[in-house]
Structures are given as structure tokens and as C-alpha cells.
Amino acid sequence: MAEVIAAIAIMSTSLLAIFSTARSCSMAADRNRKLTQSVLIAETLLNEQMLDEQIAYQRTQGQTDKYSWQIKILQTDIENLAKIEITVALRHQSTRQQYELVSFLYIEPETVSK
């Protein structure tokens, strides 16, 4: 009888460890999926800015699905070079996950507007 109780205790401990590991893996996969979506949104926004012929030093913000984003186009000390900061954030329940992409863009002198 004692052997059966010991076997059940060992088996239940093993199952608990397996379920705990599976839950951790599932949560990590969800976090990675959200991060990947944030990266794709940021890269899309950066490509749109690079294709825009009328670049202006400004701040723009918006929302895509569950993600909010902000674009800052800032002047640098180097003439005709703009710094682009793109922040994509996801607010889920009480947590906020954020991804930031920073790049530089050469601006043709005649296309700069202030």
C-alpha cells in the first residue's frame, strides 16, 4: 500500500513539473509572437517613412490593432541627416511591452520641410 502511495506522489510531482514547463513555454511563445508583430509594425513604418518624399521633422502617432505606435523624426547635428525613432507598444492587462527602432535617414536638401 505504501508503495502505491509513493508511486502516485512521484507521478503527480512529475505531472506538475511537466504542466508547469508547458505553461512557461506557452507564455514565452506568446511573448515572442507579440515581439515579432511589434518588429514587423516598426519596420513597416520605417519603410513608409523612407519612401515618403516629403519628410518633415515631426512626431506622429497612431494605432494598429492592439498596438500603438509613435514616430519621431528628429534633426541631427549632421546636415541632411534625420534620426527616426519608432516606438511600438502593446498594453495587455496591467503590463506594457514596448519595442523601439532607431535609424537614420539621409534627406535630399530640397525635400526638407520644417
Protein backbone atom coordinates (compact mmCIF):
# COMPACT_ATOMS: atom_id res chain seq x y z
CA MET A 1 0.00 0.00 0.00
CA ALA A 2 2.80 2.42 0.86
CA GLU A 3 4.46 1.70 -2.49
CA VAL A 4 1.28 2.71 -4.35
CA ILE A 5 1.05 6.00 -2.41
CA ALA A 6 4.73 6.74 -3.08
CA ALA A 7 4.28 5.98 -6.79
CA ILE A 8 1.23 8.26 -7.01
CA ALA A 9 3.13 11.04 -5.21
CA ILE A 10 6.09 10.74 -7.62
CA MET A 11 3.80 10.64 -10.65
CA SER A 12 1.80 13.69 -9.52
CA THR A 13 5.01 15.65 -8.87
CA SER A 14 6.26 14.73 -12.34
CA LEU A 15 3.00 15.77 -13.98
CA LEU A 16 3.04 19.08 -12.11
CA ALA A 17 6.56 19.77 -13.38
CA ILE A 18 5.56 18.88 -16.96
CA PHE A 19 2.49 21.14 -16.88
CA SER A 20 4.49 23.98 -15.35
CA THR A 21 7.11 23.70 -18.11
CA ALA A 22 4.43 23.57 -20.81
CA ARG A 23 2.81 26.72 -19.39
CA SER A 24 6.15 28.56 -19.32
CA CYS A 25 6.83 27.56 -22.95
CA SER A 26 3.38 28.73 -24.00
CA MET A 27 3.85 32.11 -22.30
CA ALA A 28 7.29 32.54 -23.89
CA ALA A 29 5.88 31.72 -27.34
CA ASP A 30 3.11 34.30 -26.85
CA ARG A 31 5.64 36.96 -25.80
CA ASN A 32 7.79 36.18 -28.84
CA ARG A 33 4.79 36.36 -31.17
CA LYS A 34 3.90 39.81 -29.82
CA LEU A 35 7.50 40.98 -30.11
CA THR A 36 7.68 39.74 -33.70
CA GLN A 37 4.46 41.62 -34.52
CA SER A 38 5.92 44.79 -32.93
CA VAL A 39 9.09 44.45 -35.02
CA LEU A 40 7.08 44.00 -38.23
CA ILE A 41 4.97 47.09 -37.48
CA ALA A 42 8.08 49.17 -36.70
CA GLU A 43 9.88 48.05 -39.86
CA THR A 44 6.79 48.75 -41.98
CA LEU A 45 6.53 52.25 -40.53
CA LEU A 46 10.24 52.84 -41.15
CA ASN A 47 9.91 51.71 -44.78
CA GLU A 48 6.93 54.03 -45.26
CA GLN A 49 8.99 56.95 -43.94
CA MET A 50 11.91 56.07 -46.20
CA LEU A 51 9.62 56.06 -49.24
CA ASP A 52 7.96 59.36 -48.31
CA GLU A 53 9.32 62.13 -50.49
CA GLN A 54 8.15 64.91 -48.16
CA ILE A 55 9.97 64.14 -44.90
CA ALA A 56 9.22 66.59 -42.11
CA TYR A 57 10.76 66.87 -38.66
CA GLN A 58 7.74 65.87 -36.61
CA ARG A 59 6.09 63.43 -34.26
CA THR A 60 3.31 61.14 -35.45
CA GLN A 61 1.33 58.58 -33.56
CA GLY A 62 -1.35 56.07 -34.29
CA GLN A 63 -2.74 52.67 -33.54
CA THR A 64 -2.75 49.34 -35.36
CA ASP A 65 -4.92 46.57 -33.91
CA LYS A 66 -3.79 46.20 -30.29
CA TYR A 67 -0.55 48.09 -30.86
CA SER A 68 0.03 51.81 -30.52
CA TRP A 69 2.98 53.43 -32.25
CA GLN A 70 4.84 56.71 -32.33
CA ILE A 71 7.27 58.05 -34.93
CA LYS A 72 9.70 60.84 -34.09
CA ILE A 73 11.72 62.38 -36.91
CA LEU A 74 14.43 64.50 -35.34
CA GLN A 75 17.17 66.74 -36.65
CA THR A 76 20.75 65.75 -36.03
CA ASP A 77 23.96 67.76 -35.92
CA ILE A 78 24.78 66.48 -39.40
CA GLU A 79 23.15 68.40 -42.21
CA ASN A 80 20.51 66.49 -44.20
CA LEU A 81 20.53 63.57 -41.78
CA ALA A 82 17.40 62.78 -39.78
CA LYS A 83 17.10 60.46 -36.82
CA ILE A 84 13.97 58.32 -36.86
CA GLU A 85 12.74 56.80 -33.60
CA ILE A 86 9.82 54.39 -33.88
CA THR A 87 8.23 53.02 -30.73
CA VAL A 88 5.62 50.27 -30.86
CA ALA A 89 3.81 49.43 -27.62
CA LEU A 90 1.32 46.79 -26.60
CA ARG A 91 -0.70 47.24 -23.45
CA HIS A 92 -2.06 43.91 -22.26
CA GLN A 93 -3.94 43.81 -18.96
CA SER A 94 -1.63 45.54 -16.47
CA THR A 95 1.62 45.14 -18.43
CA ARG A 96 3.08 47.22 -21.24
CA GLN A 97 5.50 45.74 -23.73
CA GLN A 98 7.47 48.11 -25.91
CA TYR A 99 9.82 47.83 -28.88
CA GLU A 100 11.92 50.73 -30.14
CA LEU A 101 13.59 51.00 -33.54
CA VAL A 102 16.10 53.79 -34.21
CA SER A 103 17.52 54.57 -37.62
CA PHE A 104 18.98 57.43 -39.61
CA LEU A 105 17.82 58.71 -42.96
CA TYR A 106 19.53 60.94 -45.49
CA ILE A 107 17.19 63.68 -46.65
CA GLU A 108 17.62 65.35 -50.01
CA PRO A 109 18.15 69.09 -49.37
CA GLU A 110 15.16 70.19 -51.46
CA THR A 111 12.74 67.80 -49.72
CA VAL A 112 13.29 69.06 -46.18
CA SER A 113 10.30 70.88 -44.75
CA LYS A 114 10.07 72.29 -41.25
